[in-house]
Protein backbone atom coordinates (compact mmCIF):
# COMPACT_ATOMS: atom_id res chain seq x y z
CA UNK A 1 10.48 6.65 15.97
CA UNK A 2 9.73 6.01 12.29
CA UNK A 3 5.97 6.57 12.54
CA UNK A 4 4.37 9.73 13.92
CA UNK A 5 0.78 10.87 14.30
CA UNK A 6 -1.03 14.17 14.60
CA UNK A 7 -4.69 14.85 15.13
CA UNK A 8 -6.84 17.28 13.16
CA UNK A 9 -10.21 17.25 14.90
CA UNK A 10 -11.79 13.91 13.97
CA UNK A 11 -8.98 13.04 11.52
CA UNK A 12 -5.74 11.24 12.44
CA UNK A 13 -2.70 11.71 10.19
CA UNK A 14 -0.20 8.81 10.33
CA UNK A 15 3.23 9.55 8.84
CA UNK A 16 5.89 7.03 7.80
CA UNK A 17 9.23 8.78 8.39
CA UNK A 18 12.31 6.85 7.26
CA UNK A 19 13.49 9.20 4.50
CA UNK A 20 17.02 7.76 4.52
CA UNK A 21 15.45 4.40 3.48
CA UNK A 22 12.77 5.92 1.21
CA UNK A 23 10.26 5.07 3.95
CA UNK A 24 10.78 1.34 3.40
CA UNK A 25 9.03 -0.83 5.97
CA UNK A 26 11.04 -2.66 8.62
CA UNK A 27 9.76 -4.33 11.79
CA UNK A 28 9.62 -1.22 14.01
CA UNK A 29 7.89 0.76 11.25
CA UNK A 30 5.28 -1.96 10.70
CA UNK A 31 4.61 -2.06 14.44
CA UNK A 32 4.38 1.73 14.50
CA UNK A 33 1.78 1.76 11.69
CA UNK A 34 -0.12 -0.99 13.48
CA UNK A 35 -0.16 0.86 16.80
CA UNK A 36 -1.27 4.11 15.18
CA UNK A 37 -4.12 2.45 13.26
CA UNK A 38 -5.18 0.39 16.29
CA UNK A 39 -5.43 3.62 18.25
CA UNK A 40 -7.43 5.18 15.44
CA UNK A 41 -9.86 2.28 15.22
CA UNK A 42 -10.34 2.16 19.00
CA UNK A 43 -10.97 5.91 19.46
CA UNK A 44 -14.64 6.77 18.85
CA UNK A 45 -13.70 10.44 18.46
CA UNK A 46 -11.62 9.70 15.34
CA UNK A 47 -13.59 9.13 12.15
CA UNK A 48 -11.00 9.12 9.32
CA UNK A 49 -7.29 8.24 9.10
CA UNK A 50 -4.79 9.55 6.54
CA UNK A 51 -1.64 7.50 5.92
CA UNK A 52 1.22 9.36 4.30
CA UNK A 53 4.99 9.42 3.96
CA UNK A 54 7.34 12.37 3.64
CA UNK A 55 7.23 15.20 1.12
CA UNK A 56 9.65 13.33 -1.16
CA UNK A 57 8.45 9.73 -1.04
CA UNK A 58 5.45 7.72 0.11
CA UNK A 59 6.99 4.26 0.60
CA UNK A 60 9.43 2.04 -1.28
CA UNK A 61 7.96 -1.17 0.14
CA UNK A 62 9.87 -3.72 2.22
CA UNK A 63 13.28 -2.90 3.64
CA UNK A 64 15.11 -5.68 1.80
CA UNK A 65 18.05 -5.69 4.24
CA UNK A 66 16.15 -5.53 7.54
CA UNK A 67 12.97 -7.29 6.43
CA UNK A 68 9.39 -6.12 7.08
CA UNK A 69 8.93 -7.69 10.52
CA UNK A 70 6.18 -10.10 11.45
CA UNK A 71 2.55 -9.51 10.43
CA UNK A 72 0.60 -7.90 13.23
CA UNK A 73 -2.53 -9.51 14.74
CA UNK A 74 -4.92 -6.77 13.61
CA UNK A 75 -3.18 -5.36 10.57
CA UNK A 76 -1.25 -8.21 8.97
CA UNK A 77 1.85 -7.31 6.91
CA UNK A 78 3.09 -3.75 7.49
CA UNK A 79 0.37 -3.36 10.12
CA UNK A 80 -2.20 -2.44 7.46
CA UNK A 81 -2.30 -4.84 4.51
CA UNK A 82 -4.94 -7.22 5.92
CA UNK A 83 -6.66 -4.83 8.30
CA UNK A 84 -10.45 -4.72 8.35
CA UNK A 85 -11.58 -1.12 8.09
CA UNK A 86 -14.51 -0.08 10.26
CA UNK A 87 -13.58 3.53 9.47
CA UNK A 88 -12.10 4.93 6.24
CA UNK A 89 -8.38 5.34 5.61
CA UNK A 90 -6.98 7.66 2.92
CA UNK A 91 -3.52 7.29 1.38
CA UNK A 92 -1.85 10.65 0.69
CA UNK A 93 0.96 9.95 -1.78
CA UNK A 94 3.90 12.15 -2.65
CA UNK A 95 6.74 10.74 -4.76
CA UNK A 96 7.25 7.02 -5.21
CA UNK A 97 4.90 4.28 -4.02
CA UNK A 98 6.71 1.12 -5.07
CA UNK A 99 6.10 -2.55 -4.36
CA UNK A 100 4.70 -2.75 -0.87
CA UNK A 101 4.23 1.02 -0.92
CA UNK A 102 1.78 0.64 -3.81
CA UNK A 103 0.16 -2.24 -1.95
CA UNK A 104 -0.27 -0.04 1.14
CA UNK A 105 -2.12 2.47 -1.05
CA UNK A 106 -4.30 -0.38 -2.37
CA UNK A 107 -5.08 -1.36 1.22
CA UNK A 108 -6.51 2.11 1.89
CA UNK A 109 -10.07 3.07 1.02
CA UNK A 110 -9.28 6.23 -0.96
CA UNK A 111 -6.13 7.64 -2.57
CA UNK A 112 -4.93 11.22 -2.99
CA UNK A 113 -1.75 11.66 -5.00
CA UNK A 114 0.52 14.51 -5.97
CA UNK A 115 0.76 15.07 -9.72
CA UNK A 116 4.43 14.06 -9.47
CA UNK A 117 3.73 10.77 -7.64
CA UNK A 118 4.17 7.41 -9.33
CA UNK A 119 3.26 3.82 -8.53
CA UNK A 120 5.00 0.58 -9.44
CA UNK A 121 5.23 -3.15 -8.72
CA UNK A 122 8.85 -4.08 -9.57
CA UNK A 123 8.82 -7.51 -7.91
CA UNK A 124 9.09 -9.64 -11.07
CA UNK A 125 12.25 -7.74 -12.01
CA UNK A 126 13.76 -9.09 -8.79
CA UNK A 127 12.57 -12.67 -9.19
CA UNK A 128 9.72 -12.15 -6.73
CA UNK A 129 5.94 -11.90 -6.73
CA UNK A 130 3.93 -9.08 -5.20
CA UNK A 131 2.93 -10.75 -1.94
CA UNK A 132 1.43 -7.88 0.08
CA UNK A 133 -1.91 -7.65 -1.61
CA UNK A 134 -1.37 -6.74 -5.27
CA UNK A 135 -2.12 -10.24 -6.57
CA UNK A 136 -5.37 -10.14 -4.58
CA UNK A 137 -6.29 -6.49 -5.17
CA UNK A 138 -4.73 -5.07 -8.32
CA UNK A 139 -7.57 -6.37 -10.51
CA UNK A 140 -10.03 -4.79 -8.10
CA UNK A 141 -8.26 -1.42 -7.93
CA UNK A 142 -7.20 -1.14 -11.58
CA UNK A 143 -8.49 -2.13 -15.03
CA UNK A 144 -7.52 -5.74 -15.67
CA UNK A 145 -5.01 -5.14 -18.47
CA UNK A 146 -3.39 -2.26 -16.60
CA UNK A 147 -3.01 -4.50 -13.56
CA UNK A 148 -1.49 -7.26 -15.71
CA UNK A 149 0.98 -4.86 -17.34
CA UNK A 150 2.18 -3.40 -14.05
CA UNK A 151 2.53 -6.82 -12.41
CA UNK A 152 4.27 -8.49 -15.36
CA UNK A 153 6.62 -5.71 -16.47
CA UNK A 154 7.32 -3.71 -13.32
CA UNK A 155 6.49 -0.53 -15.24
CA UNK A 156 5.57 2.69 -13.43
CA UNK A 157 2.10 4.22 -13.36
CA UNK A 158 2.19 8.00 -13.07
CA UNK A 159 -0.34 9.81 -10.90
CA UNK A 160 -2.19 11.48 -13.78
CA UNK A 161 -2.81 8.16 -15.50
CA UNK A 162 -3.76 6.60 -12.15
CA UNK A 163 -6.32 9.38 -11.71
CA UNK A 164 -7.67 8.91 -15.24
CA UNK A 165 -8.32 5.19 -14.68
CA UNK A 166 -9.91 5.73 -11.28
CA UNK A 167 -7.31 4.47 -8.80
CA UNK A 168 -6.50 7.96 -7.53
CA UNK A 169 -9.52 9.87 -6.20
CA UNK A 170 -7.93 13.32 -6.05
CA UNK A 171 -4.94 14.68 -7.96
CA UNK A 172 -3.05 17.32 -5.97
CA UNK A 173 -0.43 19.89 -6.80
CA UNK A 174 3.10 18.77 -5.83
CA UNK A 175 3.62 19.01 -2.09
CA UNK A 176 -0.09 19.34 -1.26
CA UNK A 177 -1.33 15.73 -1.13
CA UNK A 178 -1.81 15.86 2.64
CA UNK A 179 -3.79 19.10 2.45
CA UNK A 180 -6.08 17.68 -0.25
CA UNK A 181 -6.47 14.46 1.75
CA UNK A 182 -7.51 16.49 4.78
CA UNK A 183 -10.13 18.27 2.67
CA UNK A 184 -11.46 14.90 1.49
CA UNK A 185 -11.47 13.59 5.06
CA UNK A 186 -13.50 16.58 6.19
CA UNK A 187 -16.09 15.79 3.52
CA UNK A 188 -16.40 12.28 4.96
CA UNK A 189 -16.73 13.71 8.47
CA UNK A 190 -19.87 15.60 7.41
CA UNK A 191 -21.58 12.22 6.96
CA UNK A 192 -22.87 9.94 9.71
CA UNK A 193 -19.97 7.85 11.02
CA UNK A 194 -22.33 4.93 11.61
CA UNK A 195 -23.59 5.10 8.03
CA UNK A 196 -20.03 5.37 6.70
CA UNK A 197 -18.95 2.34 8.74
CA UNK A 198 -21.97 0.31 7.61
CA UNK A 199 -21.25 1.26 3.99
CA UNK A 200 -17.61 0.19 4.24
CA UNK A 201 -18.64 -3.13 5.79
CA UNK A 202 -21.20 -3.79 3.06
CA UNK A 203 -18.69 -3.07 0.31
CA UNK A 204 -15.99 -5.24 1.90
CA UNK A 205 -18.40 -8.12 2.45
CA UNK A 206 -19.02 -8.33 -1.28
CA UNK A 207 -15.28 -8.61 -2.02
CA UNK A 208 -14.29 -10.90 0.85
CA UNK A 209 -14.63 -14.21 -1.00
CA UNK A 210 -12.63 -12.97 -3.99
CA UNK A 211 -9.96 -11.52 -1.69
CA UNK A 212 -9.62 -14.79 0.22
CA UNK A 213 -9.10 -16.58 -3.09
CA UNK A 214 -6.52 -13.94 -4.05
CA UNK A 215 -4.51 -14.49 -0.89
CA UNK A 216 -4.56 -18.26 -1.43
CA UNK A 217 -3.30 -17.73 -5.00
CA UNK A 218 -0.61 -15.37 -3.68
CA UNK A 219 0.60 -18.08 -1.30
CA UNK A 220 0.85 -20.61 -4.14
CA UNK A 221 2.85 -18.12 -6.22
CA UNK A 222 5.22 -17.50 -3.30
CA UNK A 223 5.78 -21.24 -2.86
CA UNK A 224 6.62 -21.61 -6.54
CA UNK A 225 9.12 -18.75 -6.38
CA UNK A 226 10.70 -20.09 -3.19
CA UNK A 227 11.35 -23.46 -4.85
CA UNK A 228 13.26 -21.98 -7.79
CA UNK A 229 16.57 -20.11 -8.24
CA UNK A 230 15.25 -16.78 -9.54
CA UNK A 231 14.43 -15.30 -6.13
CA UNK A 232 18.03 -15.70 -4.98
CA UNK A 233 19.37 -14.41 -8.29
CA UNK A 234 17.03 -11.43 -8.35
CA UNK A 235 17.93 -10.30 -4.85
CA UNK A 236 21.64 -10.85 -5.47
CA UNK A 237 21.53 -8.86 -8.71
CA UNK A 238 19.64 -6.05 -6.97
CA UNK A 239 22.21 -5.92 -4.15
CA UNK A 240 25.11 -6.04 -6.62
CA UNK A 241 23.51 -3.49 -8.98
CA UNK A 242 23.78 -5.75 -12.04
CA UNK A 243 21.29 -7.24 -14.51
CA UNK A 244 19.91 -10.60 -13.30
CA UNK A 245 20.53 -13.83 -15.17
CA UNK A 246 17.24 -15.70 -15.07
CA UNK A 247 16.65 -19.44 -15.34
CA UNK A 248 14.37 -20.93 -17.97
CA UNK A 249 10.75 -21.03 -16.79
CA UNK A 250 9.35 -24.27 -15.40
CA UNK A 251 5.85 -25.46 -16.37
């Protein structure tokens, strides 16, 4: 099992546990996340979910060798990326959240991060585009120019800076992200669950049109990448641990 759960009263903690692969998402892991979050959404006694990794790493995105598995009916890619949230989900981040790992955090409603955590979208360095939500959500979650810089350069965003610009809700001491996330979850549980659900729905409704447009734009970007040589070169260079040799850009 690469996904485990434990219950803390009205809060469900979902853990991604593939430390040997830096918690990268393969098919069984995506299905495990999906099953855990389906159970959370269907249990009226659970009001908040916390998604976390291990003490060393949150998630390094897609398992490039095994692949991420098929999108799930309720959750989409990774079992979470396109999930509609009737109840809030908090990401508790320790260590690296890269590529799809960053996009998982963007798919959550709130983010708690250890002071030593960092976020990054390295896809362009591999001849790819961020196709699990960043092209649709980065400009919503981050200031526009910060989103552009991360997407275009693959640079890392450290947790303190992410907190300063408002992406991270709570900054935690190293090793305590889950404890701080539980404290935040308990604050939510003081509120009416019906009012919280209605609030989430109202907020999401206002973003739905822009998000649909973002997913359509993501698909067009993926098609453009698939038709050129840089995707193959980027993945080959990554596997061979060498600098890529890119083609000239096409109009």
